[in-house]
Amino acid sequence: MANQTNTGFRLAHTMIRVVDLEASLKFYCDILGMQVLRRTDYPEGKFTNTFIGYGPEESSPTLELALNWGREEPYEKGDAYGHICIETPDVYKACEDLAAAGVNITRAPGPMKNGTRVIAFCEDPDGYKVELNESILKHLAKEEA
């Protein structure tokens, strides 16, 4: 609910830490179709932040890939973190294409448990879960039919 405090708020980005920035960019940009929007190296802090997404950063949510220089071991994901979600026109076709590209599909496409929206899950190079959803508009149209 909008009020004087939160008027104009929007979701800007989500940040995840990655071990191999190039592998992550290949997954998110080359395979999933995002674009690099900006990349900044911080030599004094020994890290790089790269913002990627499907649209302009000023109007579309983005994903921030944070690379701490010299880190070689995977990060602990913890049990509070969930997943990144990406809508796709056809979850079944997306999973076929992703599997053909060598992406690990961890949950085959199909209706969600206790629901009807078609979803699937895969993993990025760092083991983060990525949910693939059919478009919300397609899903709502099916429910109304």
N, C-alpha and C. Protein backbone atom coordinates (compact mmCIF):
# COMPACT_ATOMS: atom_id res chain seq x y z
N MET A 1 0.85 -1.17 0.00
CA MET A 1 0.00 0.00 0.00
C MET A 1 0.89 1.23 0.00
N ALA A 2 0.63 2.14 -0.90
CA ALA A 2 1.43 3.36 -1.00
C ALA A 2 1.02 4.36 0.08
N ASN A 3 2.01 5.01 0.63
CA ASN A 3 1.78 6.11 1.56
C ASN A 3 2.86 7.16 1.30
N GLN A 4 2.88 8.22 2.09
CA GLN A 4 3.86 9.28 1.85
C GLN A 4 5.29 8.78 1.94
N THR A 5 5.53 7.80 2.78
CA THR A 5 6.88 7.30 2.96
C THR A 5 7.36 6.49 1.76
N ASN A 6 6.50 5.61 1.22
CA ASN A 6 6.98 4.70 0.18
C ASN A 6 6.53 5.05 -1.23
N THR A 7 5.93 6.17 -1.44
CA THR A 7 5.56 6.59 -2.80
C THR A 7 6.82 6.69 -3.65
N GLY A 8 6.79 6.09 -4.81
CA GLY A 8 7.94 6.11 -5.70
C GLY A 8 8.94 4.99 -5.48
N PHE A 9 8.71 4.15 -4.48
CA PHE A 9 9.61 3.02 -4.26
C PHE A 9 9.45 2.01 -5.39
N ARG A 10 10.51 1.26 -5.69
CA ARG A 10 10.46 0.15 -6.63
C ARG A 10 11.56 -0.83 -6.28
N LEU A 11 11.43 -2.04 -6.71
CA LEU A 11 12.48 -3.03 -6.52
C LEU A 11 13.61 -2.68 -7.48
N ALA A 12 14.80 -2.39 -6.98
CA ALA A 12 15.92 -1.97 -7.81
C ALA A 12 16.78 -3.15 -8.24
N HIS A 13 17.25 -3.95 -7.27
CA HIS A 13 18.08 -5.10 -7.63
C HIS A 13 18.15 -6.10 -6.48
N THR A 14 18.61 -7.27 -6.83
CA THR A 14 18.97 -8.31 -5.88
C THR A 14 20.44 -8.62 -6.11
N MET A 15 21.21 -8.82 -5.05
CA MET A 15 22.63 -9.09 -5.18
C MET A 15 22.93 -10.52 -4.76
N ILE A 16 23.76 -11.18 -5.57
CA ILE A 16 24.29 -12.48 -5.19
C ILE A 16 25.81 -12.44 -5.37
N ARG A 17 26.51 -13.19 -4.54
CA ARG A 17 27.96 -13.28 -4.65
C ARG A 17 28.31 -14.46 -5.55
N VAL A 18 29.24 -14.22 -6.46
CA VAL A 18 29.64 -15.27 -7.40
C VAL A 18 31.14 -15.52 -7.29
N VAL A 19 31.56 -16.73 -7.65
CA VAL A 19 32.97 -17.10 -7.60
C VAL A 19 33.64 -16.88 -8.96
N ASP A 20 32.91 -17.15 -10.04
CA ASP A 20 33.46 -17.01 -11.40
C ASP A 20 32.53 -16.09 -12.18
N LEU A 21 32.91 -14.82 -12.27
CA LEU A 21 32.05 -13.83 -12.92
C LEU A 21 31.79 -14.18 -14.37
N GLU A 22 32.79 -14.63 -15.09
CA GLU A 22 32.60 -14.95 -16.51
C GLU A 22 31.62 -16.10 -16.70
N ALA A 23 31.68 -17.13 -15.86
CA ALA A 23 30.72 -18.24 -15.93
C ALA A 23 29.31 -17.74 -15.63
N SER A 24 29.19 -16.84 -14.65
CA SER A 24 27.87 -16.29 -14.30
C SER A 24 27.32 -15.43 -15.44
N LEU A 25 28.19 -14.63 -16.06
CA LEU A 25 27.74 -13.80 -17.19
C LEU A 25 27.33 -14.67 -18.36
N LYS A 26 28.04 -15.75 -18.60
CA LYS A 26 27.65 -16.67 -19.68
C LYS A 26 26.25 -17.23 -19.40
N PHE A 27 26.01 -17.67 -18.16
CA PHE A 27 24.71 -18.23 -17.79
C PHE A 27 23.60 -17.19 -17.92
N TYR A 28 23.75 -16.08 -17.22
CA TYR A 28 22.67 -15.09 -17.17
C TYR A 28 22.50 -14.30 -18.47
N CYS A 29 23.59 -14.00 -19.16
CA CYS A 29 23.51 -13.18 -20.37
C CYS A 29 23.43 -14.03 -21.63
N ASP A 30 24.39 -14.90 -21.85
CA ASP A 30 24.39 -15.70 -23.08
C ASP A 30 23.25 -16.71 -23.12
N ILE A 31 22.95 -17.35 -22.00
CA ILE A 31 21.93 -18.40 -21.98
C ILE A 31 20.55 -17.85 -21.65
N LEU A 32 20.44 -17.03 -20.60
CA LEU A 32 19.12 -16.52 -20.19
C LEU A 32 18.76 -15.18 -20.85
N GLY A 33 19.68 -14.57 -21.56
CA GLY A 33 19.35 -13.39 -22.36
C GLY A 33 19.38 -12.04 -21.67
N MET A 34 19.95 -11.96 -20.47
CA MET A 34 20.09 -10.65 -19.83
C MET A 34 21.22 -9.89 -20.52
N GLN A 35 21.32 -8.61 -20.19
CA GLN A 35 22.39 -7.76 -20.71
C GLN A 35 23.19 -7.18 -19.55
N VAL A 36 24.49 -6.98 -19.77
CA VAL A 36 25.29 -6.27 -18.79
C VAL A 36 24.91 -4.79 -18.90
N LEU A 37 24.48 -4.22 -17.80
CA LEU A 37 24.04 -2.82 -17.77
C LEU A 37 25.16 -1.90 -17.29
N ARG A 38 25.94 -2.38 -16.32
CA ARG A 38 27.12 -1.64 -15.88
C ARG A 38 27.99 -2.56 -15.04
N ARG A 39 29.28 -2.27 -15.08
CA ARG A 39 30.26 -3.06 -14.34
C ARG A 39 31.26 -2.08 -13.74
N THR A 40 31.51 -2.24 -12.44
CA THR A 40 32.44 -1.36 -11.75
C THR A 40 33.43 -2.19 -10.94
N ASP A 41 34.73 -1.94 -11.17
CA ASP A 41 35.78 -2.55 -10.37
C ASP A 41 36.14 -1.62 -9.23
N TYR A 42 36.35 -2.18 -8.06
CA TYR A 42 36.75 -1.43 -6.88
C TYR A 42 38.09 -1.97 -6.39
N PRO A 43 39.19 -1.50 -7.01
CA PRO A 43 40.51 -2.05 -6.68
C PRO A 43 40.88 -1.96 -5.20
N GLU A 44 40.53 -0.87 -4.55
CA GLU A 44 40.89 -0.75 -3.13
C GLU A 44 40.12 -1.74 -2.26
N GLY A 45 38.89 -2.07 -2.67
CA GLY A 45 38.09 -3.04 -1.93
C GLY A 45 38.25 -4.46 -2.46
N LYS A 46 38.92 -4.60 -3.59
CA LYS A 46 39.17 -5.89 -4.23
C LYS A 46 37.87 -6.63 -4.55
N PHE A 47 36.95 -5.91 -5.20
CA PHE A 47 35.72 -6.54 -5.66
C PHE A 47 35.21 -5.85 -6.91
N THR A 48 34.33 -6.55 -7.63
CA THR A 48 33.68 -6.05 -8.83
C THR A 48 32.18 -6.24 -8.67
N ASN A 49 31.41 -5.22 -9.02
CA ASN A 49 29.95 -5.33 -9.06
C ASN A 49 29.51 -5.19 -10.52
N THR A 50 28.73 -6.14 -10.97
CA THR A 50 28.20 -6.11 -12.33
C THR A 50 26.68 -6.21 -12.25
N PHE A 51 26.01 -5.23 -12.84
CA PHE A 51 24.54 -5.21 -12.84
C PHE A 51 24.06 -5.70 -14.20
N ILE A 52 23.15 -6.66 -14.17
CA ILE A 52 22.61 -7.25 -15.40
C ILE A 52 21.09 -7.24 -15.32
N GLY A 53 20.43 -7.31 -16.47
CA GLY A 53 18.98 -7.35 -16.46
C GLY A 53 18.40 -7.39 -17.85
N TYR A 54 17.07 -7.32 -17.90
CA TYR A 54 16.33 -7.37 -19.17
C TYR A 54 15.90 -6.00 -19.66
N GLY A 55 16.10 -4.99 -18.85
CA GLY A 55 15.69 -3.64 -19.25
C GLY A 55 16.53 -2.61 -18.55
N PRO A 56 16.27 -1.34 -18.83
CA PRO A 56 17.07 -0.27 -18.24
C PRO A 56 17.04 -0.31 -16.71
N GLU A 57 18.19 -0.10 -16.14
CA GLU A 57 18.33 -0.18 -14.68
C GLU A 57 17.43 0.81 -13.95
N GLU A 58 17.16 1.95 -14.57
CA GLU A 58 16.35 2.96 -13.89
C GLU A 58 14.86 2.59 -13.82
N SER A 59 14.44 1.60 -14.61
CA SER A 59 13.02 1.25 -14.59
C SER A 59 12.74 -0.24 -14.42
N SER A 60 13.75 -1.08 -14.53
CA SER A 60 13.55 -2.53 -14.42
C SER A 60 14.41 -3.09 -13.30
N PRO A 61 13.89 -4.07 -12.55
CA PRO A 61 14.73 -4.70 -11.54
C PRO A 61 15.95 -5.38 -12.19
N THR A 62 17.06 -5.37 -11.48
CA THR A 62 18.28 -5.97 -12.00
C THR A 62 18.85 -6.97 -11.00
N LEU A 63 19.84 -7.69 -11.47
CA LEU A 63 20.57 -8.63 -10.65
C LEU A 63 22.00 -8.13 -10.55
N GLU A 64 22.49 -7.97 -9.33
CA GLU A 64 23.87 -7.53 -9.10
C GLU A 64 24.72 -8.76 -8.82
N LEU A 65 25.73 -8.98 -9.64
CA LEU A 65 26.68 -10.06 -9.42
C LEU A 65 27.89 -9.46 -8.73
N ALA A 66 28.17 -9.89 -7.52
CA ALA A 66 29.29 -9.35 -6.74
C ALA A 66 30.42 -10.38 -6.73
N LEU A 67 31.57 -9.97 -7.24
CA LEU A 67 32.75 -10.83 -7.28
C LEU A 67 33.79 -10.29 -6.32
N ASN A 68 34.10 -11.05 -5.29
CA ASN A 68 35.19 -10.71 -4.38
C ASN A 68 36.46 -11.33 -4.94
N TRP A 69 37.42 -10.50 -5.31
CA TRP A 69 38.63 -10.96 -5.98
C TRP A 69 39.37 -11.98 -5.12
N GLY A 70 39.80 -13.04 -5.76
CA GLY A 70 40.60 -14.06 -5.09
C GLY A 70 39.79 -15.15 -4.41
N ARG A 71 38.50 -15.00 -4.35
CA ARG A 71 37.65 -16.03 -3.71
C ARG A 71 37.56 -17.23 -4.63
N GLU A 72 37.86 -18.41 -4.12
CA GLU A 72 37.79 -19.63 -4.92
C GLU A 72 36.78 -20.63 -4.40
N GLU A 73 36.45 -20.57 -3.11
CA GLU A 73 35.52 -21.55 -2.56
C GLU A 73 34.08 -21.03 -2.67
N PRO A 74 33.14 -21.95 -2.89
CA PRO A 74 31.72 -21.54 -3.02
C PRO A 74 31.21 -20.88 -1.73
N TYR A 75 30.22 -20.03 -1.89
CA TYR A 75 29.58 -19.38 -0.75
C TYR A 75 28.52 -20.30 -0.16
N GLU A 76 28.31 -20.18 1.14
CA GLU A 76 27.21 -20.87 1.80
C GLU A 76 25.91 -20.16 1.40
N LYS A 77 24.92 -20.92 0.98
CA LYS A 77 23.65 -20.30 0.55
C LYS A 77 22.73 -20.03 1.74
N GLY A 78 22.87 -20.79 2.80
CA GLY A 78 22.00 -20.61 3.96
C GLY A 78 20.61 -21.15 3.68
N ASP A 79 19.80 -21.22 4.70
CA ASP A 79 18.45 -21.77 4.51
C ASP A 79 17.38 -20.69 4.43
N ALA A 80 17.77 -19.43 4.46
CA ALA A 80 16.80 -18.34 4.33
C ALA A 80 16.67 -17.88 2.88
N TYR A 81 17.72 -18.08 2.09
CA TYR A 81 17.68 -17.65 0.70
C TYR A 81 16.77 -18.58 -0.09
N GLY A 82 15.99 -18.01 -1.01
CA GLY A 82 15.09 -18.81 -1.83
C GLY A 82 15.63 -19.01 -3.23
N HIS A 83 15.27 -18.10 -4.13
CA HIS A 83 15.66 -18.27 -5.54
C HIS A 83 15.46 -16.97 -6.30
N ILE A 84 16.00 -16.94 -7.49
CA ILE A 84 15.76 -15.89 -8.47
C ILE A 84 14.66 -16.44 -9.37
N CYS A 85 13.75 -15.61 -9.83
CA CYS A 85 12.69 -16.08 -10.72
C CYS A 85 12.72 -15.31 -12.03
N ILE A 86 12.60 -16.06 -13.12
CA ILE A 86 12.57 -15.46 -14.45
C ILE A 86 11.35 -15.98 -15.18
N GLU A 87 10.53 -15.05 -15.71
CA GLU A 87 9.38 -15.46 -16.52
C GLU A 87 9.86 -15.82 -17.92
N THR A 88 9.20 -16.80 -18.49
CA THR A 88 9.52 -17.23 -19.84
C THR A 88 8.22 -17.55 -20.58
N PRO A 89 8.16 -17.32 -21.88
CA PRO A 89 6.91 -17.59 -22.61
C PRO A 89 6.53 -19.07 -22.60
N ASP A 90 7.52 -19.97 -22.54
CA ASP A 90 7.25 -21.40 -22.58
C ASP A 90 8.28 -22.11 -21.70
N VAL A 91 7.87 -22.51 -20.51
CA VAL A 91 8.77 -23.13 -19.54
C VAL A 91 9.32 -24.45 -20.08
N TYR A 92 8.47 -25.23 -20.74
CA TYR A 92 8.92 -26.52 -21.28
C TYR A 92 10.02 -26.34 -22.32
N LYS A 93 9.82 -25.42 -23.25
CA LYS A 93 10.82 -25.14 -24.29
C LYS A 93 12.08 -24.56 -23.66
N ALA A 94 11.92 -23.65 -22.70
CA ALA A 94 13.08 -23.05 -22.03
C ALA A 94 13.93 -24.14 -21.38
N CYS A 95 13.30 -25.10 -20.73
CA CYS A 95 14.06 -26.17 -20.08
C CYS A 95 14.76 -27.06 -21.11
N GLU A 96 14.12 -27.34 -22.23
CA GLU A 96 14.78 -28.10 -23.30
C GLU A 96 16.04 -27.37 -23.75
N ASP A 97 15.90 -26.07 -24.01
CA ASP A 97 17.02 -25.27 -24.50
C ASP A 97 18.12 -25.17 -23.45
N LEU A 98 17.74 -24.96 -22.19
CA LEU A 98 18.73 -24.85 -21.13
C LEU A 98 19.48 -26.15 -20.93
N ALA A 99 18.75 -27.26 -20.92
CA ALA A 99 19.40 -28.57 -20.77
C ALA A 99 20.37 -28.82 -21.92
N ALA A 100 19.98 -28.45 -23.13
CA ALA A 100 20.86 -28.61 -24.30
C ALA A 100 22.12 -27.76 -24.16
N ALA A 101 22.02 -26.65 -23.41
CA ALA A 101 23.17 -25.78 -23.19
C ALA A 101 24.01 -26.23 -21.99
N GLY A 102 23.62 -27.35 -21.38
CA GLY A 102 24.38 -27.90 -20.26
C GLY A 102 23.95 -27.41 -18.90
N VAL A 103 22.82 -26.71 -18.81
CA VAL A 103 22.33 -26.20 -17.54
C VAL A 103 21.64 -27.34 -16.77
N ASN A 104 21.89 -27.41 -15.47
CA ASN A 104 21.30 -28.43 -14.62
C ASN A 104 19.85 -28.05 -14.27
N ILE A 105 18.90 -28.82 -14.78
CA ILE A 105 17.47 -28.62 -14.46
C ILE A 105 17.21 -29.44 -13.20
N THR A 106 16.88 -28.75 -12.10
CA THR A 106 16.72 -29.45 -10.83
C THR A 106 15.27 -29.82 -10.52
N ARG A 107 14.34 -29.21 -11.25
CA ARG A 107 12.91 -29.55 -11.12
C ARG A 107 12.32 -29.41 -12.51
N ALA A 108 11.86 -30.52 -13.05
CA ALA A 108 11.31 -30.52 -14.41
C ALA A 108 10.09 -29.61 -14.49
N PRO A 109 9.80 -29.08 -15.68
CA PRO A 109 8.65 -28.20 -15.82
C PRO A 109 7.34 -28.93 -15.59
N GLY A 110 6.41 -28.21 -15.01
CA GLY A 110 5.08 -28.73 -14.76
C GLY A 110 4.36 -27.82 -13.78
N PRO A 111 3.09 -28.12 -13.52
CA PRO A 111 2.34 -27.28 -12.58
C PRO A 111 2.98 -27.30 -11.20
N MET A 112 2.95 -26.16 -10.54
CA MET A 112 3.51 -26.08 -9.19
C MET A 112 2.69 -26.92 -8.24
N LYS A 113 3.33 -27.40 -7.19
CA LYS A 113 2.63 -28.19 -6.18
C LYS A 113 1.54 -27.34 -5.56
N ASN A 114 0.36 -27.89 -5.47
CA ASN A 114 -0.80 -27.20 -4.89
C ASN A 114 -1.24 -26.00 -5.72
N GLY A 115 -0.92 -25.98 -7.00
CA GLY A 115 -1.31 -24.87 -7.85
C GLY A 115 -1.34 -25.30 -9.31
N THR A 116 -1.49 -24.33 -10.19
CA THR A 116 -1.59 -24.64 -11.61
C THR A 116 -0.54 -23.94 -12.46
N ARG A 117 0.13 -22.94 -11.94
CA ARG A 117 1.13 -22.20 -12.74
C ARG A 117 2.30 -23.13 -13.09
N VAL A 118 2.70 -23.11 -14.34
CA VAL A 118 3.80 -23.96 -14.80
C VAL A 118 5.12 -23.32 -14.39
N ILE A 119 5.94 -24.13 -13.69
CA ILE A 119 7.24 -23.68 -13.22
C ILE A 119 8.28 -24.77 -13.45
N ALA A 120 9.53 -24.41 -13.30
CA ALA A 120 10.65 -25.35 -13.29
C ALA A 120 11.78 -24.67 -12.52
N PHE A 121 12.81 -25.41 -12.19
CA PHE A 121 13.98 -24.85 -11.53
C PHE A 121 15.25 -25.35 -12.20
N CYS A 122 16.24 -24.47 -12.23
CA CYS A 122 17.57 -24.85 -12.68
C CYS A 122 18.57 -24.20 -11.73
N GLU A 123 19.86 -24.46 -11.96
CA GLU A 123 20.91 -23.87 -11.13
C GLU A 123 21.87 -23.05 -11.98
N ASP A 124 22.34 -21.95 -11.40
CA ASP A 124 23.38 -21.18 -12.08
C ASP A 124 24.74 -21.79 -11.75
N PRO A 125 25.83 -21.27 -12.28
CA PRO A 125 27.15 -21.86 -12.04
C PRO A 125 27.58 -21.91 -10.58
N ASP A 126 27.01 -21.04 -9.72
CA ASP A 126 27.34 -21.06 -8.30
C ASP A 126 26.36 -21.87 -7.47
N GLY A 127 25.39 -22.52 -8.12
CA GLY A 127 24.43 -23.34 -7.40
C GLY A 127 23.21 -22.59 -6.90
N TYR A 128 23.06 -21.32 -7.29
CA TYR A 128 21.85 -20.59 -6.91
C TYR A 128 20.68 -21.14 -7.71
N LYS A 129 19.54 -21.30 -7.05
CA LYS A 129 18.34 -21.78 -7.72
C LYS A 129 17.72 -20.65 -8.55
N VAL A 130 17.33 -21.00 -9.77
CA VAL A 130 16.64 -20.07 -10.65
C VAL A 130 15.32 -20.72 -11.05
N GLU A 131 14.21 -20.09 -10.66
CA GLU A 131 12.89 -20.59 -11.02
C GLU A 131 12.52 -20.02 -12.38
N LEU A 132 11.93 -20.84 -13.20
CA LEU A 132 11.40 -20.41 -14.49
C LEU A 132 9.89 -20.49 -14.39
N ASN A 133 9.21 -19.39 -14.66
CA ASN A 133 7.75 -19.32 -14.57
C ASN A 133 7.16 -19.02 -15.93
N GLU A 134 5.94 -19.57 -16.16
CA GLU A 134 5.21 -19.07 -17.31
C GLU A 134 4.78 -17.64 -16.96
N SER A 135 4.52 -16.84 -17.97
CA SER A 135 4.17 -15.44 -17.71
C SER A 135 2.92 -15.37 -16.84
N ILE A 136 2.90 -14.38 -15.96
CA ILE A 136 1.75 -14.21 -15.08
C ILE A 136 0.49 -13.92 -15.89
N LEU A 137 0.61 -13.20 -16.99
CA LEU A 137 -0.55 -12.92 -17.82
C LEU A 137 -1.11 -14.21 -18.44
N LYS A 138 -0.24 -15.07 -18.93
CA LYS A 138 -0.67 -16.35 -19.49
C LYS A 138 -1.34 -17.21 -18.41
N HIS A 139 -0.74 -17.22 -17.24
CA HIS A 139 -1.29 -18.01 -16.13
C HIS A 139 -2.67 -17.51 -15.71
N LEU A 140 -2.82 -16.19 -15.56
CA LEU A 140 -4.10 -15.63 -15.15
C LEU A 140 -5.18 -15.86 -16.22
N ALA A 141 -4.79 -15.79 -17.50
CA ALA A 141 -5.76 -16.04 -18.57
C ALA A 141 -6.26 -17.47 -18.51
N LYS A 142 -5.38 -18.42 -18.21
CA LYS A 142 -5.79 -19.83 -18.08
C LYS A 142 -6.74 -20.02 -16.90
N GLU A 143 -6.47 -19.33 -15.80
CA GLU A 143 -7.32 -19.47 -14.62
C GLU A 143 -8.70 -18.88 -14.84
N GLU A 144 -8.77 -17.81 -15.65
CA GLU A 144 -10.06 -17.15 -15.92
C GLU A 144 -10.88 -17.92 -16.93
N ALA A 145 -10.23 -18.77 -17.74
CA ALA A 145 -10.94 -19.50 -18.81
C ALA A 145 -11.80 -20.60 -18.25
